[in-house]
Amino acid sequence: MNSFDIEKFYDKNNTKAANMLLSFMDIEVREHMVNDIVDFLNHSSIGEELELTDHFVIKESDFGVIILNETNEIFAQNPEDIRAYIEIVSLLFLINLKMSYGLKQVKSILKLE
């Protein structure tokens, strides 16, 4: 996959989830963490969790993950509205985009400008 399907993302998520995904990209996707995240996405089993600084990634299926923010899970009225459901190939694309071109490019792709 060499692109991100924004319509497919927003079919399953809302703007709050997109903002949380952007937060995940900003806080967690750093040079020293990328290999751990990519290894988790490619080699973990369904149901496994990856705990990061302020986010969790849960492998929902062989093709998709749920990303959630620990603070939102504790304090939000409807934390399920803030969780991001994303295909693994799409997340890998966004990680590559962020590492290559910066967070501003990811923000543009997510239409959060």
N, C-alpha and C. Protein backbone atom coordinates (compact mmCIF):
# COMPACT_ATOMS: atom_id res chain seq x y z
N MET A 1 0.85 -1.18 0.00
CA MET A 1 0.00 0.00 0.00
C MET A 1 0.89 1.24 0.00
N ASN A 2 0.59 2.18 -0.85
CA ASN A 2 1.40 3.38 -0.91
C ASN A 2 0.56 4.64 -0.70
N SER A 3 -0.55 4.49 -0.02
CA SER A 3 -1.38 5.66 0.28
C SER A 3 -2.23 5.36 1.51
N PHE A 4 -2.97 6.37 1.92
CA PHE A 4 -3.85 6.26 3.08
C PHE A 4 -5.25 6.58 2.62
N ASP A 5 -6.19 5.68 2.87
CA ASP A 5 -7.58 5.85 2.46
C ASP A 5 -8.33 6.60 3.55
N ILE A 6 -8.41 7.91 3.39
CA ILE A 6 -9.02 8.77 4.41
C ILE A 6 -10.50 8.46 4.60
N GLU A 7 -11.21 8.15 3.52
CA GLU A 7 -12.64 7.84 3.64
C GLU A 7 -12.86 6.59 4.47
N LYS A 8 -12.04 5.58 4.24
CA LYS A 8 -12.16 4.33 5.00
C LYS A 8 -11.87 4.58 6.49
N PHE A 9 -10.90 5.44 6.76
CA PHE A 9 -10.57 5.76 8.15
C PHE A 9 -11.75 6.45 8.83
N TYR A 10 -12.33 7.45 8.15
CA TYR A 10 -13.44 8.20 8.76
C TYR A 10 -14.75 7.42 8.75
N ASP A 11 -14.84 6.34 7.99
CA ASP A 11 -16.02 5.46 8.09
C ASP A 11 -16.07 4.79 9.47
N LYS A 12 -14.88 4.49 10.02
CA LYS A 12 -14.81 3.80 11.31
C LYS A 12 -14.50 4.73 12.48
N ASN A 13 -14.07 5.95 12.20
CA ASN A 13 -13.60 6.86 13.24
C ASN A 13 -14.18 8.25 13.05
N ASN A 14 -14.07 9.06 14.09
CA ASN A 14 -14.49 10.45 13.98
C ASN A 14 -13.28 11.37 14.14
N THR A 15 -13.52 12.66 14.15
CA THR A 15 -12.42 13.63 14.23
C THR A 15 -11.65 13.50 15.53
N LYS A 16 -12.34 13.18 16.63
CA LYS A 16 -11.64 12.99 17.91
C LYS A 16 -10.62 11.86 17.80
N ALA A 17 -11.00 10.79 17.12
CA ALA A 17 -10.08 9.66 16.94
C ALA A 17 -8.91 10.07 16.04
N ALA A 18 -9.17 10.88 15.04
CA ALA A 18 -8.10 11.35 14.16
C ALA A 18 -7.11 12.22 14.94
N ASN A 19 -7.64 13.07 15.82
CA ASN A 19 -6.76 13.89 16.66
C ASN A 19 -5.94 13.03 17.61
N MET A 20 -6.54 11.98 18.15
CA MET A 20 -5.80 11.08 19.03
C MET A 20 -4.73 10.33 18.24
N LEU A 21 -5.04 9.92 17.00
CA LEU A 21 -4.05 9.26 16.16
C LEU A 21 -2.88 10.21 15.88
N LEU A 22 -3.19 11.47 15.66
CA LEU A 22 -2.13 12.46 15.45
C LEU A 22 -1.28 12.58 16.72
N SER A 23 -1.91 12.55 17.88
CA SER A 23 -1.19 12.58 19.15
C SER A 23 -0.26 11.37 19.27
N PHE A 24 -0.78 10.20 18.90
CA PHE A 24 0.03 8.98 18.90
C PHE A 24 1.24 9.15 17.99
N MET A 25 1.02 9.67 16.81
CA MET A 25 2.13 9.86 15.86
C MET A 25 3.16 10.84 16.42
N ASP A 26 2.70 11.87 17.10
CA ASP A 26 3.59 12.89 17.65
C ASP A 26 4.39 12.37 18.85
N ILE A 27 3.71 11.72 19.77
CA ILE A 27 4.35 11.30 21.02
C ILE A 27 5.12 9.99 20.89
N GLU A 28 4.53 9.02 20.22
CA GLU A 28 5.10 7.66 20.24
C GLU A 28 5.99 7.34 19.05
N VAL A 29 5.68 7.88 17.90
CA VAL A 29 6.45 7.53 16.69
C VAL A 29 7.70 8.40 16.63
N ARG A 30 8.72 7.91 17.28
CA ARG A 30 10.02 8.57 17.35
C ARG A 30 11.07 7.57 16.90
N GLU A 31 12.20 8.07 16.52
CA GLU A 31 13.25 7.22 15.96
C GLU A 31 13.59 6.03 16.86
N HIS A 32 13.66 6.26 18.17
CA HIS A 32 14.05 5.18 19.08
C HIS A 32 12.92 4.17 19.34
N MET A 33 11.68 4.47 18.91
CA MET A 33 10.54 3.57 19.17
C MET A 33 9.98 2.91 17.91
N VAL A 34 10.34 3.41 16.76
CA VAL A 34 9.73 2.93 15.52
C VAL A 34 9.90 1.43 15.34
N ASN A 35 11.09 0.90 15.57
CA ASN A 35 11.31 -0.53 15.36
C ASN A 35 10.42 -1.38 16.26
N ASP A 36 10.24 -0.96 17.52
CA ASP A 36 9.38 -1.71 18.43
C ASP A 36 7.92 -1.70 17.95
N ILE A 37 7.47 -0.55 17.48
CA ILE A 37 6.09 -0.43 17.00
C ILE A 37 5.89 -1.28 15.75
N VAL A 38 6.81 -1.17 14.80
CA VAL A 38 6.70 -1.94 13.55
C VAL A 38 6.77 -3.44 13.82
N ASP A 39 7.68 -3.86 14.70
CA ASP A 39 7.76 -5.28 15.06
C ASP A 39 6.45 -5.76 15.67
N PHE A 40 5.85 -4.96 16.55
CA PHE A 40 4.57 -5.32 17.14
C PHE A 40 3.50 -5.47 16.06
N LEU A 41 3.42 -4.51 15.16
CA LEU A 41 2.40 -4.55 14.11
C LEU A 41 2.55 -5.78 13.22
N ASN A 42 3.78 -6.16 12.95
CA ASN A 42 4.03 -7.27 12.03
C ASN A 42 4.05 -8.65 12.67
N HIS A 43 4.38 -8.73 13.97
CA HIS A 43 4.64 -10.04 14.55
C HIS A 43 3.80 -10.41 15.77
N SER A 44 2.96 -9.52 16.24
CA SER A 44 2.16 -9.83 17.43
C SER A 44 0.95 -10.68 17.07
N SER A 45 0.38 -11.26 18.08
CA SER A 45 -0.83 -12.07 17.91
C SER A 45 -2.06 -11.21 18.19
N ILE A 46 -3.19 -11.66 17.67
CA ILE A 46 -4.46 -10.96 17.90
C ILE A 46 -4.71 -10.89 19.41
N GLY A 47 -5.09 -9.69 19.87
CA GLY A 47 -5.36 -9.48 21.28
C GLY A 47 -4.18 -8.96 22.08
N GLU A 48 -2.98 -9.05 21.52
CA GLU A 48 -1.81 -8.53 22.24
C GLU A 48 -1.84 -7.01 22.29
N GLU A 49 -1.23 -6.45 23.35
CA GLU A 49 -1.15 -5.01 23.54
C GLU A 49 0.30 -4.56 23.56
N LEU A 50 0.51 -3.37 23.07
CA LEU A 50 1.81 -2.70 23.18
C LEU A 50 1.57 -1.43 23.99
N GLU A 51 2.18 -1.36 25.17
CA GLU A 51 2.05 -0.18 26.01
C GLU A 51 3.21 0.76 25.73
N LEU A 52 2.87 1.99 25.39
CA LEU A 52 3.87 3.00 25.08
C LEU A 52 3.81 4.10 26.12
N THR A 53 4.38 5.24 25.85
CA THR A 53 4.44 6.34 26.81
C THR A 53 3.05 6.76 27.28
N ASP A 54 2.16 7.10 26.36
CA ASP A 54 0.83 7.59 26.72
C ASP A 54 -0.27 6.91 25.90
N HIS A 55 0.08 5.89 25.15
CA HIS A 55 -0.88 5.22 24.27
C HIS A 55 -0.71 3.71 24.37
N PHE A 56 -1.77 3.02 23.99
CA PHE A 56 -1.74 1.57 23.85
C PHE A 56 -2.12 1.24 22.42
N VAL A 57 -1.52 0.18 21.89
CA VAL A 57 -1.90 -0.35 20.59
C VAL A 57 -2.35 -1.79 20.85
N ILE A 58 -3.56 -2.11 20.41
CA ILE A 58 -4.11 -3.45 20.60
C ILE A 58 -4.34 -4.05 19.22
N LYS A 59 -3.79 -5.23 19.00
CA LYS A 59 -3.99 -5.90 17.71
C LYS A 59 -5.38 -6.53 17.71
N GLU A 60 -6.26 -5.97 16.89
CA GLU A 60 -7.65 -6.42 16.83
C GLU A 60 -7.81 -7.61 15.89
N SER A 61 -7.03 -7.63 14.82
CA SER A 61 -7.07 -8.72 13.84
C SER A 61 -5.72 -8.76 13.15
N ASP A 62 -5.57 -9.66 12.19
CA ASP A 62 -4.32 -9.71 11.42
C ASP A 62 -4.15 -8.48 10.55
N PHE A 63 -5.22 -7.70 10.39
CA PHE A 63 -5.18 -6.56 9.47
C PHE A 63 -5.37 -5.21 10.15
N GLY A 64 -5.79 -5.18 11.41
CA GLY A 64 -6.10 -3.91 12.03
C GLY A 64 -5.75 -3.84 13.50
N VAL A 65 -5.58 -2.60 13.97
CA VAL A 65 -5.28 -2.35 15.38
C VAL A 65 -6.20 -1.24 15.91
N ILE A 66 -6.29 -1.18 17.21
CA ILE A 66 -6.96 -0.10 17.91
C ILE A 66 -5.87 0.66 18.65
N ILE A 67 -5.90 1.97 18.52
CA ILE A 67 -4.96 2.81 19.26
C ILE A 67 -5.78 3.64 20.23
N LEU A 68 -5.36 3.62 21.48
CA LEU A 68 -6.07 4.42 22.47
C LEU A 68 -5.10 5.17 23.35
N ASN A 69 -5.60 6.25 23.90
CA ASN A 69 -4.82 7.12 24.77
C ASN A 69 -5.19 6.80 26.20
N GLU A 70 -4.20 6.55 27.03
CA GLU A 70 -4.44 6.15 28.41
C GLU A 70 -5.26 7.19 29.18
N THR A 71 -4.94 8.45 29.04
CA THR A 71 -5.67 9.51 29.74
C THR A 71 -7.13 9.57 29.31
N ASN A 72 -7.38 9.47 28.01
CA ASN A 72 -8.76 9.48 27.50
C ASN A 72 -9.56 8.30 28.04
N GLU A 73 -8.93 7.16 28.15
CA GLU A 73 -9.63 5.97 28.65
C GLU A 73 -10.08 6.16 30.09
N ILE A 74 -9.33 6.93 30.85
CA ILE A 74 -9.66 7.14 32.26
C ILE A 74 -10.70 8.25 32.43
N PHE A 75 -10.54 9.36 31.68
CA PHE A 75 -11.32 10.57 31.98
C PHE A 75 -12.42 10.91 30.97
N ALA A 76 -12.39 10.38 29.78
CA ALA A 76 -13.39 10.75 28.78
C ALA A 76 -14.74 10.10 29.08
N GLN A 77 -15.83 10.82 28.77
CA GLN A 77 -17.16 10.26 28.97
C GLN A 77 -17.42 9.08 28.04
N ASN A 78 -17.00 9.21 26.79
CA ASN A 78 -17.18 8.15 25.80
C ASN A 78 -15.83 7.83 25.16
N PRO A 79 -14.98 7.08 25.87
CA PRO A 79 -13.63 6.84 25.34
C PRO A 79 -13.64 6.08 24.01
N GLU A 80 -14.70 5.30 23.76
CA GLU A 80 -14.76 4.56 22.49
C GLU A 80 -14.82 5.51 21.29
N ASP A 81 -15.28 6.74 21.48
CA ASP A 81 -15.32 7.73 20.40
C ASP A 81 -13.94 8.26 20.06
N ILE A 82 -13.00 8.10 20.98
CA ILE A 82 -11.67 8.66 20.80
C ILE A 82 -10.68 7.59 20.36
N ARG A 83 -11.05 6.35 20.43
CA ARG A 83 -10.16 5.26 19.97
C ARG A 83 -10.06 5.29 18.46
N ALA A 84 -8.87 5.00 17.96
CA ALA A 84 -8.67 4.97 16.51
C ALA A 84 -8.57 3.52 16.05
N TYR A 85 -9.42 3.15 15.12
CA TYR A 85 -9.38 1.84 14.48
C TYR A 85 -8.73 2.05 13.12
N ILE A 86 -7.61 1.36 12.88
CA ILE A 86 -6.86 1.60 11.65
C ILE A 86 -6.25 0.30 11.15
N GLU A 87 -6.22 0.17 9.83
CA GLU A 87 -5.57 -0.99 9.22
C GLU A 87 -4.06 -0.88 9.43
N ILE A 88 -3.43 -2.02 9.63
CA ILE A 88 -1.99 -2.03 9.87
C ILE A 88 -1.21 -1.42 8.72
N VAL A 89 -1.60 -1.73 7.49
CA VAL A 89 -0.86 -1.18 6.34
C VAL A 89 -1.00 0.34 6.29
N SER A 90 -2.15 0.86 6.68
CA SER A 90 -2.34 2.31 6.71
C SER A 90 -1.48 2.95 7.80
N LEU A 91 -1.44 2.30 8.96
CA LEU A 91 -0.63 2.83 10.05
C LEU A 91 0.85 2.80 9.69
N LEU A 92 1.29 1.73 9.06
CA LEU A 92 2.69 1.67 8.61
C LEU A 92 2.99 2.77 7.60
N PHE A 93 2.04 3.04 6.72
CA PHE A 93 2.21 4.13 5.77
C PHE A 93 2.37 5.47 6.49
N LEU A 94 1.50 5.73 7.48
CA LEU A 94 1.57 6.99 8.22
C LEU A 94 2.86 7.09 9.04
N ILE A 95 3.31 5.99 9.61
CA ILE A 95 4.58 5.99 10.35
C ILE A 95 5.73 6.35 9.42
N ASN A 96 5.76 5.73 8.26
CA ASN A 96 6.80 6.02 7.27
C ASN A 96 6.73 7.49 6.84
N LEU A 97 5.53 7.98 6.62
CA LEU A 97 5.34 9.37 6.22
C LEU A 97 5.85 10.32 7.29
N LYS A 98 5.51 10.04 8.54
CA LYS A 98 5.96 10.90 9.63
C LYS A 98 7.48 10.88 9.76
N MET A 99 8.08 9.71 9.69
CA MET A 99 9.53 9.60 9.84
C MET A 99 10.26 10.23 8.66
N SER A 100 9.66 10.21 7.48
CA SER A 100 10.31 10.76 6.29
C SER A 100 10.07 12.25 6.11
N TYR A 101 8.84 12.70 6.39
CA TYR A 101 8.47 14.08 6.05
C TYR A 101 7.97 14.91 7.22
N GLY A 102 7.77 14.30 8.37
CA GLY A 102 7.35 15.04 9.54
C GLY A 102 5.87 14.96 9.84
N LEU A 103 5.53 15.42 11.02
CA LEU A 103 4.15 15.35 11.53
C LEU A 103 3.19 16.20 10.72
N LYS A 104 3.67 17.30 10.19
CA LYS A 104 2.79 18.19 9.42
C LYS A 104 2.17 17.46 8.22
N GLN A 105 2.93 16.58 7.60
CA GLN A 105 2.42 15.81 6.46
C GLN A 105 1.31 14.84 6.90
N VAL A 106 1.48 14.23 8.07
CA VAL A 106 0.45 13.32 8.60
C VAL A 106 -0.81 14.11 8.92
N LYS A 107 -0.64 15.27 9.52
CA LYS A 107 -1.78 16.13 9.85
C LYS A 107 -2.56 16.50 8.59
N SER A 108 -1.85 16.77 7.53
CA SER A 108 -2.47 17.10 6.24
C SER A 108 -3.25 15.90 5.69
N ILE A 109 -2.67 14.73 5.75
CA ILE A 109 -3.32 13.50 5.25
C ILE A 109 -4.61 13.24 6.03
N LEU A 110 -4.57 13.49 7.34
CA LEU A 110 -5.74 13.26 8.19
C LEU A 110 -6.77 14.39 8.08
N LYS A 111 -6.45 15.40 7.28
CA LYS A 111 -7.33 16.55 7.06
C LYS A 111 -7.66 17.26 8.37
N LEU A 112 -6.60 17.50 9.16
CA LEU A 112 -6.77 18.16 10.45
C LEU A 112 -6.16 19.56 10.46
N GLU A 113 -5.92 20.12 9.31
CA GLU A 113 -5.32 21.47 9.24
C GLU A 113 -6.34 22.54 9.45
